[in-house]
Amino acid sequence: MEISELGTIIMKRMKMTEPPTIGVLKGGVAGLAGMAMKAPAAAAAKEEKKAEKTVFELKLESFEAASKIKVIKEVRSFTDLGLKEAKDLVEKTPAVLKKGVSKEEGEQIIEKMKAIGAKVVLE
């Protein structure tokens, strides 16, 4: 009795609406069919969550050698790096410039970097 109450208390604290599914084989074909129906629905839900990506990384893939100083200055403008850290980051190309960027902010930075001769991608 106490164990069943503990289960409901844990579900409320974890804000779960359904009890977790435990893989127990039921006798007969009906049990297997029920388990088979749950698997595709779960896979479809995971695919939908992947499509809704809101946080991205900016990755510097390459830049023109003549515009290296401009690239370093631009990297310093949108990150909180000092001159030496920004220079080291640019020299390690390909490297991740910034993590946790929204799509709009990332696209603005990409346009600025393209204007000075750098190739940056949003991942």
PDB file of N, CA and C in Angstrom:
ATOM      1  N   MET A   1       0.826  -1.180   0.000  1.00  0.00           N
ATOM      2  CA  MET A   1       0.000   0.000   0.000  1.00  0.00           C
ATOM      3  C   MET A   1       0.882   1.261   0.000  1.00  0.00           C
ATOM      4  N   GLU A   2       1.906   1.273   0.876  1.00  0.00           N
ATOM      5  CA  GLU A   2       2.798   2.421   0.953  1.00  0.00           C
ATOM      6  C   GLU A   2       3.597   2.588  -0.335  1.00  0.00           C
ATOM      7  N   ILE A   3       3.949   1.479  -0.973  1.00  0.00           N
ATOM      8  CA  ILE A   3       4.720   1.547  -2.211  1.00  0.00           C
ATOM      9  C   ILE A   3       3.896   2.195  -3.323  1.00  0.00           C
ATOM     10  N   SER A   4       2.637   1.868  -3.415  1.00  0.00           N
ATOM     11  CA  SER A   4       1.800   2.479  -4.453  1.00  0.00           C
ATOM     12  C   SER A   4       1.616   3.965  -4.189  1.00  0.00           C
ATOM     13  N   GLU A   5       1.502   4.376  -2.936  1.00  0.00           N
ATOM     14  CA  GLU A   5       1.399   5.797  -2.601  1.00  0.00           C
ATOM     15  C   GLU A   5       2.700   6.516  -2.925  1.00  0.00           C
ATOM     16  N   LEU A   6       3.826   5.856  -2.667  1.00  0.00           N
ATOM     17  CA  LEU A   6       5.129   6.447  -2.975  1.00  0.00           C
ATOM     18  C   LEU A   6       5.252   6.695  -4.482  1.00  0.00           C
ATOM     19  N   GLY A   7       4.747   5.752  -5.267  1.00  0.00           N
ATOM     20  CA  GLY A   7       4.787   5.918  -6.720  1.00  0.00           C
ATOM     21  C   GLY A   7       4.020   7.139  -7.176  1.00  0.00           C
ATOM     22  N   THR A   8       2.843   7.365  -6.636  1.00  0.00           N
ATOM     23  CA  THR A   8       2.047   8.538  -7.033  1.00  0.00           C
ATOM     24  C   THR A   8       2.697   9.833  -6.555  1.00  0.00           C
ATOM     25  N   ILE A   9       3.307   9.802  -5.381  1.00  0.00           N
ATOM     26  CA  ILE A   9       3.990  11.002  -4.862  1.00  0.00           C
ATOM     27  C   ILE A   9       5.163  11.360  -5.763  1.00  0.00           C
ATOM     28  N   ILE A  10       5.935  10.362  -6.159  1.00  0.00           N
ATOM     29  CA  ILE A  10       7.096  10.611  -7.034  1.00  0.00           C
ATOM     30  C   ILE A  10       6.627  11.143  -8.390  1.00  0.00           C
ATOM     31  N   MET A  11       5.553  10.591  -8.915  1.00  0.00           N
ATOM     32  CA  MET A  11       5.043  11.072 -10.203  1.00  0.00           C
ATOM     33  C   MET A  11       4.600  12.526 -10.111  1.00  0.00           C
ATOM     34  N   LYS A  12       3.983  12.921  -8.995  1.00  0.00           N
ATOM     35  CA  LYS A  12       3.552  14.314  -8.832  1.00  0.00           C
ATOM     36  C   LYS A  12       4.749  15.245  -8.726  1.00  0.00           C
ATOM     37  N   ARG A  13       5.781  14.839  -7.986  1.00  0.00           N
ATOM     38  CA  ARG A  13       6.973  15.681  -7.822  1.00  0.00           C
ATOM     39  C   ARG A  13       7.728  15.843  -9.134  1.00  0.00           C
ATOM     40  N   MET A  14       7.760  14.793  -9.953  1.00  0.00           N
ATOM     41  CA  MET A  14       8.461  14.854 -11.236  1.00  0.00           C
ATOM     42  C   MET A  14       7.571  15.382 -12.344  1.00  0.00           C
ATOM     43  N   LYS A  15       6.335  15.758 -11.984  1.00  0.00           N
ATOM     44  CA  LYS A  15       5.358  16.323 -12.918  1.00  0.00           C
ATOM     45  C   LYS A  15       5.108  15.389 -14.102  1.00  0.00           C
ATOM     46  N   MET A  16       4.935  14.116 -13.806  1.00  0.00           N
ATOM     47  CA  MET A  16       4.648  13.115 -14.832  1.00  0.00           C
ATOM     48  C   MET A  16       3.136  12.922 -14.907  1.00  0.00           C
ATOM     49  N   THR A  17       2.625  12.806 -16.126  1.00  0.00           N
ATOM     50  CA  THR A  17       1.193  12.594 -16.288  1.00  0.00           C
ATOM     51  C   THR A  17       0.853  11.116 -16.434  1.00  0.00           C
ATOM     52  N   GLU A  18       1.796  10.320 -16.960  1.00  0.00           N
ATOM     53  CA  GLU A  18       1.577   8.891 -17.139  1.00  0.00           C
ATOM     54  C   GLU A  18       2.666   8.117 -16.404  1.00  0.00           C
ATOM     55  N   PRO A  19       2.351   6.956 -15.908  1.00  0.00           N
ATOM     56  CA  PRO A  19       3.397   6.136 -15.303  1.00  0.00           C
ATOM     57  C   PRO A  19       4.357   5.640 -16.380  1.00  0.00           C
ATOM     58  N   PRO A  20       5.620   5.441 -16.058  1.00  0.00           N
ATOM     59  CA  PRO A  20       6.585   4.984 -17.061  1.00  0.00           C
ATOM     60  C   PRO A  20       6.229   3.591 -17.576  1.00  0.00           C
ATOM     61  N   THR A  21       6.519   3.352 -18.833  1.00  0.00           N
ATOM     62  CA  THR A  21       6.235   2.059 -19.448  1.00  0.00           C
ATOM     63  C   THR A  21       7.400   1.124 -19.164  1.00  0.00           C
ATOM     64  N   ILE A  22       7.076  -0.036 -18.654  1.00  0.00           N
ATOM     65  CA  ILE A  22       8.098  -1.020 -18.333  1.00  0.00           C
ATOM     66  C   ILE A  22       7.908  -2.183 -19.290  1.00  0.00           C
ATOM     67  N   GLY A  23       8.983  -2.643 -19.885  1.00  0.00           N
ATOM     68  CA  GLY A  23       8.916  -3.714 -20.869  1.00  0.00           C
ATOM     69  C   GLY A  23       8.615  -5.061 -20.239  1.00  0.00           C
ATOM     70  N   VAL A  24       7.368  -5.409 -20.148  1.00  0.00           N
ATOM     71  CA  VAL A  24       6.949  -6.712 -19.635  1.00  0.00           C
ATOM     72  C   VAL A  24       6.207  -7.405 -20.758  1.00  0.00           C
ATOM     73  N   LEU A  25       6.610  -8.613 -21.076  1.00  0.00           N
ATOM     74  CA  LEU A  25       5.949  -9.354 -22.144  1.00  0.00           C
ATOM     75  C   LEU A  25       4.658  -9.966 -21.635  1.00  0.00           C
ATOM     76  N   LYS A  26       3.606  -9.674 -22.325  1.00  0.00           N
ATOM     77  CA  LYS A  26       2.310 -10.265 -22.007  1.00  0.00           C
ATOM     78  C   LYS A  26       2.121 -11.470 -22.914  1.00  0.00           C
ATOM     79  N   GLY A  27       1.376 -12.420 -22.462  1.00  0.00           N
ATOM     80  CA  GLY A  27       1.139 -13.614 -23.257  1.00  0.00           C
ATOM     81  C   GLY A  27       0.271 -13.327 -24.460  1.00  0.00           C
ATOM     82  N   GLY A  28       0.579 -13.951 -25.576  1.00  0.00           N
ATOM     83  CA  GLY A  28      -0.248 -13.819 -26.758  1.00  0.00           C
ATOM     84  C   GLY A  28       0.220 -12.733 -27.700  1.00  0.00           C
ATOM     85  N   VAL A  29      -0.416 -12.655 -28.839  1.00  0.00           N
ATOM     86  CA  VAL A  29      -0.064 -11.701 -29.884  1.00  0.00           C
ATOM     87  C   VAL A  29      -0.526 -10.292 -29.522  1.00  0.00           C
ATOM     88  N   ALA A  30      -1.600 -10.144 -28.779  1.00  0.00           N
ATOM     89  CA  ALA A  30      -2.149  -8.831 -28.429  1.00  0.00           C
ATOM     90  C   ALA A  30      -1.153  -8.030 -27.602  1.00  0.00           C
ATOM     91  N   GLY A  31      -0.411  -8.679 -26.737  1.00  0.00           N
ATOM     92  CA  GLY A  31       0.583  -7.983 -25.915  1.00  0.00           C
ATOM     93  C   GLY A  31       1.709  -7.418 -26.766  1.00  0.00           C
ATOM     94  N   LEU A  32       2.174  -8.182 -27.744  1.00  0.00           N
ATOM     95  CA  LEU A  32       3.236  -7.714 -28.626  1.00  0.00           C
ATOM     96  C   LEU A  32       2.757  -6.596 -29.538  1.00  0.00           C
ATOM     97  N   ALA A  33       1.531  -6.676 -29.989  1.00  0.00           N
ATOM     98  CA  ALA A  33       0.982  -5.638 -30.859  1.00  0.00           C
ATOM     99  C   ALA A  33       0.857  -4.320 -30.100  1.00  0.00           C
ATOM    100  N   GLY A  34       0.468  -4.391 -28.841  1.00  0.00           N
ATOM    101  CA  GLY A  34       0.352  -3.174 -28.034  1.00  0.00           C
ATOM    102  C   GLY A  34       1.698  -2.503 -27.842  1.00  0.00           C
ATOM    103  N   MET A  35       2.743  -3.287 -27.637  1.00  0.00           N
ATOM    104  CA  MET A  35       4.080  -2.720 -27.474  1.00  0.00           C
ATOM    105  C   MET A  35       4.579  -2.137 -28.790  1.00  0.00           C
ATOM    106  N   ALA A  36       4.267  -2.795 -29.901  1.00  0.00           N
ATOM    107  CA  ALA A  36       4.712  -2.321 -31.207  1.00  0.00           C
ATOM    108  C   ALA A  36       4.055  -0.995 -31.573  1.00  0.00           C
ATOM    109  N   MET A  37       2.844  -0.756 -31.119  1.00  0.00           N
ATOM    110  CA  MET A  37       2.139   0.483 -31.438  1.00  0.00           C
ATOM    111  C   MET A  37       2.720   1.673 -30.682  1.00  0.00           C
ATOM    112  N   LYS A  38       3.271   1.453 -29.495  1.00  0.00           N
ATOM    113  CA  LYS A  38       3.817   2.549 -28.698  1.00  0.00           C
ATOM    114  C   LYS A  38       5.151   3.031 -29.243  1.00  0.00           C
ATOM    115  N   ALA A  39       5.967   2.171 -29.807  1.00  0.00           N
ATOM    116  CA  ALA A  39       7.308   2.521 -30.274  1.00  0.00           C
ATOM    117  C   ALA A  39       7.294   3.551 -31.405  1.00  0.00           C
ATOM    118  N   PRO A  40       6.510   3.412 -32.478  1.00  0.00           N
ATOM    119  CA  PRO A  40       6.541   4.424 -33.535  1.00  0.00           C
ATOM    120  C   PRO A  40       6.059   5.793 -33.061  1.00  0.00           C
ATOM    121  N   ALA A  41       5.110   5.832 -32.160  1.00  0.00           N
ATOM    122  CA  ALA A  41       4.622   7.117 -31.659  1.00  0.00           C
ATOM    123  C   ALA A  41       5.716   7.845 -30.893  1.00  0.00           C
ATOM    124  N   ALA A  42       6.494   7.118 -30.117  1.00  0.00           N
ATOM    125  CA  ALA A  42       7.587   7.728 -29.362  1.00  0.00           C
ATOM    126  C   ALA A  42       8.674   8.228 -30.303  1.00  0.00           C
ATOM    127  N   ALA A  43       8.977   7.473 -31.353  1.00  0.00           N
ATOM    128  CA  ALA A  43       9.999   7.888 -32.314  1.00  0.00           C
ATOM    129  C   ALA A  43       9.559   9.140 -33.057  1.00  0.00           C
ATOM    130  N   ALA A  44       8.291   9.241 -33.409  1.00  0.00           N
ATOM    131  CA  ALA A  44       7.786  10.417 -34.105  1.00  0.00           C
ATOM    132  C   ALA A  44       7.853  11.653 -33.209  1.00  0.00           C
ATOM    133  N   ALA A  45       7.585  11.489 -31.929  1.00  0.00           N
ATOM    134  CA  ALA A  45       7.659  12.612 -31.001  1.00  0.00           C
ATOM    135  C   ALA A  45       9.087  13.120 -30.873  1.00  0.00           C
ATOM    136  N   LYS A  46      10.057  12.208 -30.867  1.00  0.00           N
ATOM    137  CA  LYS A  46      11.465  12.625 -30.773  1.00  0.00           C
ATOM    138  C   LYS A  46      11.892  13.378 -32.021  1.00  0.00           C
ATOM    139  N   GLU A  47      11.430  12.969 -33.203  1.00  0.00           N
ATOM    140  CA  GLU A  47      11.783  13.656 -34.434  1.00  0.00           C
ATOM    141  C   GLU A  47      11.234  15.072 -34.454  1.00  0.00           C
ATOM    142  N   GLU A  48      10.030  15.276 -33.941  1.00  0.00           N
ATOM    143  CA  GLU A  48       9.449  16.611 -33.894  1.00  0.00           C
ATOM    144  C   GLU A  48      10.245  17.522 -32.980  1.00  0.00           C
ATOM    145  N   LYS A  49      10.743  16.992 -31.876  1.00  0.00           N
ATOM    146  CA  LYS A  49      11.532  17.805 -30.952  1.00  0.00           C
ATOM    147  C   LYS A  49      12.849  18.216 -31.585  1.00  0.00           C
ATOM    148  N   LYS A  50      13.455  17.371 -32.409  1.00  0.00           N
ATOM    149  CA  LYS A  50      14.704  17.714 -33.079  1.00  0.00           C
ATOM    150  C   LYS A  50      14.503  18.873 -34.051  1.00  0.00           C
ATOM    151  N   ALA A  51      13.383  18.919 -34.733  1.00  0.00           N
ATOM    152  CA  ALA A  51      13.131  19.941 -35.728  1.00  0.00           C
ATOM    153  C   ALA A  51      12.976  21.326 -35.109  1.00  0.00           C
ATOM    154  N   GLU A  52      12.667  21.409 -33.845  1.00  0.00           N
ATOM    155  CA  GLU A  52      12.430  22.685 -33.184  1.00  0.00           C
ATOM    156  C   GLU A  52      13.672  23.210 -32.473  1.00  0.00           C
ATOM    157  N   LYS A  53      14.809  23.172 -33.121  1.00  0.00           N
ATOM    158  CA  LYS A  53      16.050  23.637 -32.510  1.00  0.00           C
ATOM    159  C   LYS A  53      16.036  25.168 -32.434  1.00  0.00           C
ATOM    160  N   THR A  54      16.324  25.711 -31.254  1.00  0.00           N
ATOM    161  CA  THR A  54      16.289  27.164 -31.076  1.00  0.00           C
ATOM    162  C   THR A  54      17.646  27.744 -30.688  1.00  0.00           C
ATOM    163  N   VAL A  55      18.556  26.910 -30.239  1.00  0.00           N
ATOM    164  CA  VAL A  55      19.871  27.376 -29.810  1.00  0.00           C
ATOM    165  C   VAL A  55      20.924  26.778 -30.737  1.00  0.00           C
ATOM    166  N   PHE A  56      21.825  27.620 -31.230  1.00  0.00           N
ATOM    167  CA  PHE A  56      22.799  27.194 -32.224  1.00  0.00           C
ATOM    168  C   PHE A  56      24.224  27.542 -31.791  1.00  0.00           C
ATOM    169  N   GLU A  57      25.179  27.028 -32.560  1.00  0.00           N
ATOM    170  CA  GLU A  57      26.594  27.355 -32.388  1.00  0.00           C
ATOM    171  C   GLU A  57      27.076  28.036 -33.660  1.00  0.00           C
ATOM    172  N   LEU A  58      27.960  29.008 -33.497  1.00  0.00           N
ATOM    173  CA  LEU A  58      28.588  29.653 -34.642  1.00  0.00           C
ATOM    174  C   LEU A  58      29.967  29.038 -34.825  1.00  0.00           C
ATOM    175  N   LYS A  59      30.242  28.555 -36.027  1.00  0.00           N
ATOM    176  CA  LYS A  59      31.519  27.897 -36.286  1.00  0.00           C
ATOM    177  C   LYS A  59      32.231  28.623 -37.424  1.00  0.00           C
ATOM    178  N   LEU A  60      33.439  29.061 -37.158  1.00  0.00           N
ATOM    179  CA  LEU A  60      34.280  29.693 -38.172  1.00  0.00           C
ATOM    180  C   LEU A  60      34.965  28.589 -38.953  1.00  0.00           C
ATOM    181  N   GLU A  61      34.681  28.518 -40.252  1.00  0.00           N
ATOM    182  CA  GLU A  61      35.259  27.459 -41.075  1.00  0.00           C
ATOM    183  C   GLU A  61      36.515  27.918 -41.802  1.00  0.00           C
ATOM    184  N   SER A  62      36.513  29.136 -42.308  1.00  0.00           N
ATOM    185  CA  SER A  62      37.687  29.643 -43.013  1.00  0.00           C
ATOM    186  C   SER A  62      37.594  31.161 -43.113  1.00  0.00           C
ATOM    187  N   PHE A  63      38.709  31.765 -43.504  1.00  0.00           N
ATOM    188  CA  PHE A  63      38.738  33.211 -43.722  1.00  0.00           C
ATOM    189  C   PHE A  63      39.880  33.534 -44.669  1.00  0.00           C
ATOM    190  N   GLU A  64      39.811  34.707 -45.281  1.00  0.00           N
ATOM    191  CA  GLU A  64      40.868  35.151 -46.175  1.00  0.00           C
ATOM    192  C   GLU A  64      42.062  35.605 -45.336  1.00  0.00           C
ATOM    193  N   ALA A  65      43.250  35.226 -45.756  1.00  0.00           N
ATOM    194  CA  ALA A  65      44.452  35.557 -44.993  1.00  0.00           C
ATOM    195  C   ALA A  65      44.654  37.069 -44.879  1.00  0.00           C
ATOM    196  N   ALA A  66      44.278  37.798 -45.903  1.00  0.00           N
ATOM    197  CA  ALA A  66      44.456  39.249 -45.891  1.00  0.00           C
ATOM    198  C   ALA A  66      43.540  39.934 -44.877  1.00  0.00           C
ATOM    199  N   SER A  67      42.433  39.308 -44.519  1.00  0.00           N
ATOM    200  CA  SER A  67      41.490  39.941 -43.602  1.00  0.00           C
ATOM    201  C   SER A  67      41.537  39.336 -42.194  1.00  0.00           C
ATOM    202  N   LYS A  68      42.643  38.736 -41.820  1.00  0.00           N
ATOM    203  CA  LYS A  68      42.765  38.074 -40.514  1.00  0.00           C
ATOM    204  C   LYS A  68      42.553  39.063 -39.365  1.00  0.00           C
ATOM    205  N   ILE A  69      43.114  40.243 -39.462  1.00  0.00           N
ATOM    206  CA  ILE A  69      42.994  41.240 -38.395  1.00  0.00           C
ATOM    207  C   ILE A  69      41.535  41.686 -38.252  1.00  0.00           C
ATOM    208  N   LYS A  70      40.846  41.875 -39.381  1.00  0.00           N
ATOM    209  CA  LYS A  70      39.427  42.263 -39.341  1.00  0.00           C
ATOM    210  C   LYS A  70      38.584  41.163 -38.698  1.00  0.00           C
ATOM    211  N   VAL A  71      38.910  39.911 -39.008  1.00  0.00           N
ATOM    212  CA  VAL A  71      38.174  38.782 -38.431  1.00  0.00           C
ATOM    213  C   VAL A  71      38.373  38.752 -36.921  1.00  0.00           C
ATOM    214  N   ILE A  72      39.602  38.946 -36.472  1.00  0.00           N
ATOM    215  CA  ILE A  72      39.891  38.949 -35.024  1.00  0.00           C
ATOM    216  C   ILE A  72      39.116  40.070 -34.334  1.00  0.00           C
ATOM    217  N   LYS A  73      39.091  41.250 -34.926  1.00  0.00           N
ATOM    218  CA  LYS A  73      38.359  42.378 -34.333  1.00  0.00           C
ATOM    219  C   LYS A  73      36.864  42.085 -34.262  1.00  0.00           C
ATOM    220  N   GLU A  74      36.336  41.483 -35.309  1.00  0.00           N
ATOM    221  CA  GLU A  74      34.906  41.173 -35.320  1.00  0.00           C
ATOM    222  C   GLU A  74      34.574  40.098 -34.296  1.00  0.00           C
ATOM    223  N   VAL A  75      35.438  39.089 -34.140  1.00  0.00           N
ATOM    224  CA  VAL A  75      35.228  38.048 -33.134  1.00  0.00           C
ATOM    225  C   VAL A  75      35.224  38.673 -31.741  1.00  0.00           C
ATOM    226  N   ARG A  76      36.104  39.600 -31.494  1.00  0.00           N
ATOM    227  CA  ARG A  76      36.145  40.286 -30.196  1.00  0.00           C
ATOM    228  C   ARG A  76      34.874  41.095 -29.955  1.00  0.00           C
ATOM    229  N   SER A  77      34.260  41.614 -31.024  1.00  0.00           N
ATOM    230  CA  SER A  77      33.082  42.470 -30.848  1.00  0.00           C
ATOM    231  C   SER A  77      31.857  41.694 -30.372  1.00  0.00           C
ATOM    232  N   PHE A  78      31.704  40.438 -30.786  1.00  0.00           N
ATOM    233  CA  PHE A  78      30.518  39.689 -30.354  1.00  0.00           C
ATOM    234  C   PHE A  78      30.813  38.619 -29.314  1.00  0.00           C
ATOM    235  N   THR A  79      32.062  38.524 -28.865  1.00  0.00           N
ATOM    236  CA  THR A  79      32.403  37.648 -27.739  1.00  0.00           C
ATOM    237  C   THR A  79      33.062  38.502 -26.673  1.00  0.00           C
ATOM    238  N   ASP A  80      33.255  37.939 -25.504  1.00  0.00           N
ATOM    239  CA  ASP A  80      33.918  38.662 -24.426  1.00  0.00           C
ATOM    240  C   ASP A  80      35.382  38.267 -24.313  1.00  0.00           C
ATOM    241  N   LEU A  81      36.009  37.992 -25.441  1.00  0.00           N
ATOM    242  CA  LEU A  81      37.400  37.547 -25.436  1.00  0.00           C
ATOM    243  C   LEU A  81      38.351  38.721 -25.556  1.00  0.00           C
ATOM    244  N   GLY A  82      39.523  38.544 -24.987  1.00  0.00           N
ATOM    245  CA  GLY A  82      40.580  39.522 -25.147  1.00  0.00           C
ATOM    246  C   GLY A  82      41.255  39.330 -26.493  1.00  0.00           C
ATOM    247  N   LEU A  83      42.239  40.176 -26.786  1.00  0.00           N
ATOM    248  CA  LEU A  83      42.912  40.122 -28.078  1.00  0.00           C
ATOM    249  C   LEU A  83      43.626  38.786 -28.296  1.00  0.00           C
ATOM    250  N   LYS A  84      44.365  38.327 -27.298  1.00  0.00           N
ATOM    251  CA  LYS A  84      45.123  37.087 -27.433  1.00  0.00           C
ATOM    252  C   LYS A  84      44.194  35.886 -27.601  1.00  0.00           C
ATOM    253  N   GLU A  85      43.121  35.828 -26.804  1.00  0.00           N
ATOM    254  CA  GLU A  85      42.188  34.706 -26.890  1.00  0.00           C
ATOM    255  C   GLU A  85      41.474  34.679 -28.241  1.00  0.00           C
ATOM    256  N   ALA A  86      41.074  35.855 -28.728  1.00  0.00           N
ATOM    257  CA  ALA A  86      40.403  35.930 -30.025  1.00  0.00           C
ATOM    258  C   ALA A  86      41.357  35.520 -31.147  1.00  0.00           C
ATOM    259  N   LYS A  87      42.610  35.951 -31.054  1.00  0.00           N
ATOM    260  CA  LYS A  87      43.613  35.586 -32.060  1.00  0.00           C
ATOM    261  C   LYS A  87      43.841  34.076 -32.060  1.00  0.00           C
ATOM    262  N   ASP A  88      43.980  33.483 -30.884  1.00  0.00           N
ATOM    263  CA  ASP A  88      44.176  32.033 -30.788  1.00  0.00           C
ATOM    264  C   ASP A  88      42.972  31.282 -31.357  1.00  0.00           C
ATOM    265  N   LEU A  89      41.776  31.765 -31.079  1.00  0.00           N
ATOM    266  CA  LEU A  89      40.561  31.126 -31.571  1.00  0.00           C
ATOM    267  C   LEU A  89      40.487  31.174 -33.096  1.00  0.00           C
ATOM    268  N   VAL A  90      40.811  32.321 -33.674  1.00  0.00           N
ATOM    269  CA  VAL A  90      40.764  32.478 -35.126  1.00  0.00           C
ATOM    270  C   VAL A  90      41.838  31.607 -35.786  1.00  0.00           C
ATOM    271  N   GLU A  91      42.992  31.486 -35.159  1.00  0.00           N
ATOM    272  CA  GLU A  91      44.068  30.682 -35.740  1.00  0.00           C
ATOM    273  C   GLU A  91      43.781  29.186 -35.673  1.00  0.00           C
ATOM    274  N   LYS A  92      42.854  28.753 -34.809  1.00  0.00           N
ATOM    275  CA  LYS A  92      42.495  27.336 -34.688  1.00  0.00           C
ATOM    276  C   LYS A  92      41.395  26.940 -35.669  1.00  0.00           C
ATOM    277  N   THR A  93      41.181  27.710 -36.697  1.00  0.00           N
ATOM    278  CA  THR A  93      40.100  27.459 -37.657  1.00  0.00           C
ATOM    279  C   THR A  93      40.197  26.046 -38.202  1.00  0.00           C
ATOM    280  N   PRO A  94      39.138  25.277 -38.275  1.00  0.00           N
ATOM    281  CA  PRO A  94      37.750  25.545 -37.921  1.00  0.00           C
ATOM    282  C   PRO A  94      37.536  25.443 -36.413  1.00  0.00           C
ATOM    283  N   ALA A  95      36.816  26.397 -35.854  1.00  0.00           N
ATOM    284  CA  ALA A  95      36.569  26.447 -34.417  1.00  0.00           C
ATOM    285  C   ALA A  95      35.199  27.047 -34.131  1.00  0.00           C
ATOM    286  N   VAL A  96      34.621  26.662 -33.000  1.00  0.00           N
ATOM    287  CA  VAL A  96      33.336  27.206 -32.571  1.00  0.00           C
ATOM    288  C   VAL A  96      33.590  28.577 -31.950  1.00  0.00           C
ATOM    289  N   LEU A  97      32.957  29.593 -32.512  1.00  0.00           N
ATOM    290  CA  LEU A  97      33.141  30.955 -32.030  1.00  0.00           C
ATOM    291  C   LEU A  97      32.256  31.259 -30.828  1.00  0.00           C
ATOM    292  N   LYS A  98      30.994  30.835 -30.901  1.00  0.00           N
ATOM    293  CA  LYS A  98      30.052  31.173 -29.855  1.00  0.00           C
ATOM    294  C   LYS A  98      28.985  30.099 -29.762  1.00  0.00           C
ATOM    295  N   LYS A  99      28.608  29.742 -28.535  1.00  0.00           N
ATOM    296  CA  LYS A  99      27.573  28.739 -28.305  1.00  0.00           C
ATOM    297  C   LYS A  99      26.348  29.418 -27.713  1.00  0.00           C
ATOM    298  N   GLY A 100      25.189  28.801 -27.886  1.00  0.00           N
ATOM    299  CA  GLY A 100      23.959  29.308 -27.300  1.00  0.00           C
ATOM    300  C   GLY A 100      23.433  30.553 -27.982  1.00  0.00           C
ATOM    301  N   VAL A 101      23.527  30.608 -29.303  1.00  0.00           N
ATOM    302  CA  VAL A 101      23.113  31.777 -30.069  1.00  0.00           C
ATOM    303  C   VAL A 101      21.741  31.513 -30.681  1.00  0.00           C
ATOM    304  N   SER A 102      20.871  32.515 -30.658  1.00  0.00           N
ATOM    305  CA  SER A 102      19.579  32.381 -31.324  1.00  0.00           C
ATOM    306  C   SER A 102      19.800  32.462 -32.838  1.00  0.00           C
ATOM    307  N   LYS A 103      18.822  32.009 -33.592  1.00  0.00           N
ATOM    308  CA  LYS A 103      18.956  31.979 -35.048  1.00  0.00           C
ATOM    309  C   LYS A 103      19.106  33.387 -35.624  1.00  0.00           C
ATOM    310  N   GLU A 104      18.317  34.339 -35.126  1.00  0.00           N
ATOM    311  CA  GLU A 104      18.371  35.711 -35.646  1.00  0.00           C
ATOM    312  C   GLU A 104      19.741  36.343 -35.372  1.00  0.00           C
ATOM    313  N   GLU A 105      20.223  36.197 -34.146  1.00  0.00           N
ATOM    314  CA  GLU A 105      21.524  36.766 -33.785  1.00  0.00           C
ATOM    315  C   GLU A 105      22.630  36.108 -34.601  1.00  0.00           C
ATOM    316  N   GLY A 106      22.539  34.803 -34.782  1.00  0.00           N
ATOM    317  CA  GLY A 106      23.540  34.078 -35.560  1.00  0.00           C
ATOM    318  C   GLY A 106      23.595  34.535 -37.004  1.00  0.00           C
ATOM    319  N   GLU A 107      22.437  34.767 -37.608  1.00  0.00           N
ATOM    320  CA  GLU A 107      22.397  35.214 -38.993  1.00  0.00           C
ATOM    321  C   GLU A 107      22.991  36.611 -39.147  1.00  0.00           C
ATOM    322  N   GLN A 108      22.779  37.480 -38.158  1.00  0.00           N
ATOM    323  CA  GLN A 108      23.364  38.821 -38.206  1.00  0.00           C
ATOM    324  C   GLN A 108      24.885  38.740 -38.157  1.00  0.00           C
ATOM    325  N   ILE A 109      25.401  37.890 -37.279  1.00  0.00           N
ATOM    326  CA  ILE A 109      26.857  37.737 -37.148  1.00  0.00           C
ATOM    327  C   ILE A 109      27.433  37.138 -38.428  1.00  0.00           C
ATOM    328  N   ILE A 110      26.741  36.174 -39.016  1.00  0.00           N
ATOM    329  CA  ILE A 110      27.220  35.557 -40.255  1.00  0.00           C
ATOM    330  C   ILE A 110      27.327  36.597 -41.367  1.00  0.00           C
ATOM    331  N   GLU A 111      26.340  37.484 -41.470  1.00  0.00           N
ATOM    332  CA  GLU A 111      26.380  38.527 -42.501  1.00  0.00           C
ATOM    333  C   GLU A 111      27.573  39.455 -42.300  1.00  0.00           C
ATOM    334  N   LYS A 112      27.842  39.834 -41.052  1.00  0.00           N
ATOM    335  CA  LYS A 112      28.987  40.698 -40.767  1.00  0.00           C
ATOM    336  C   LYS A 112      30.302  40.008 -41.129  1.00  0.00           C
ATOM    337  N   MET A 113      30.391  38.718 -40.788  1.00  0.00           N
ATOM    338  CA  MET A 113      31.626  37.979 -41.049  1.00  0.00           C
ATOM    339  C   MET A 113      31.823  37.747 -42.553  1.00  0.00           C
ATOM    340  N   LYS A 114      30.746  37.538 -43.305  1.00  0.00           N
ATOM    341  CA  LYS A 114      30.859  37.378 -44.752  1.00  0.00           C
ATOM    342  C   LYS A 114      31.363  38.658 -45.396  1.00  0.00           C
ATOM    343  N   ALA A 115      30.926  39.788 -44.852  1.00  0.00           N
ATOM    344  CA  ALA A 115      31.322  41.081 -45.410  1.00  0.00           C
ATOM    345  C   ALA A 115      32.827  41.313 -45.299  1.00  0.00           C
ATOM    346  N   ILE A 116      33.462  40.716 -44.288  1.00  0.00           N
ATOM    347  CA  ILE A 116      34.903  40.912 -44.120  1.00  0.00           C
ATOM    348  C   ILE A 116      35.719  39.736 -44.666  1.00  0.00           C
ATOM    349  N   GLY A 117      35.050  38.749 -45.250  1.00  0.00           N
ATOM    350  CA  GLY A 117      35.771  37.668 -45.921  1.00  0.00           C
ATOM    351  C   GLY A 117      35.931  36.391 -45.130  1.00  0.00           C
ATOM    352  N   ALA A 118      35.068  36.142 -44.169  1.00  0.00           N
ATOM    353  CA  ALA A 118      35.145  34.911 -43.371  1.00  0.00           C
ATOM    354  C   ALA A 118      33.937  34.041 -43.691  1.00  0.00           C
ATOM    355  N   LYS A 119      34.139  32.732 -43.583  1.00  0.00           N
ATOM    356  CA  LYS A 119      33.036  31.784 -43.788  1.00  0.00           C
ATOM    357  C   LYS A 119      32.638  31.225 -42.445  1.00  0.00           C
ATOM    358  N   VAL A 120      31.399  31.525 -42.006  1.00  0.00           N
ATOM    359  CA  VAL A 120      30.869  31.094 -40.729  1.00  0.00           C
ATOM    360  C   VAL A 120      29.569  30.341 -40.979  1.00  0.00           C
ATOM    361  N   VAL A 121      29.371  29.233 -40.233  1.00  0.00           N
ATOM    362  CA  VAL A 121      28.141  28.461 -40.369  1.00  0.00           C
ATOM    363  C   VAL A 121      27.425  28.377 -39.037  1.00  0.00           C
ATOM    364  N   LEU A 122      26.125  28.215 -39.105  1.00  0.00           N
ATOM    365  CA  LEU A 122      25.256  28.098 -37.943  1.00  0.00           C
ATOM    366  C   LEU A 122      24.924  26.622 -37.767  1.00  0.00           C
ATOM    367  N   GLU A 123      25.331  26.036 -36.667  1.00  0.00           N
ATOM    368  CA  GLU A 123      25.079  24.602 -36.421  1.00  0.00           C
ATOM    369  C   GLU A 123      24.173  24.430 -35.253  1.00  0.00           C
TER     370      GLU A 123
END
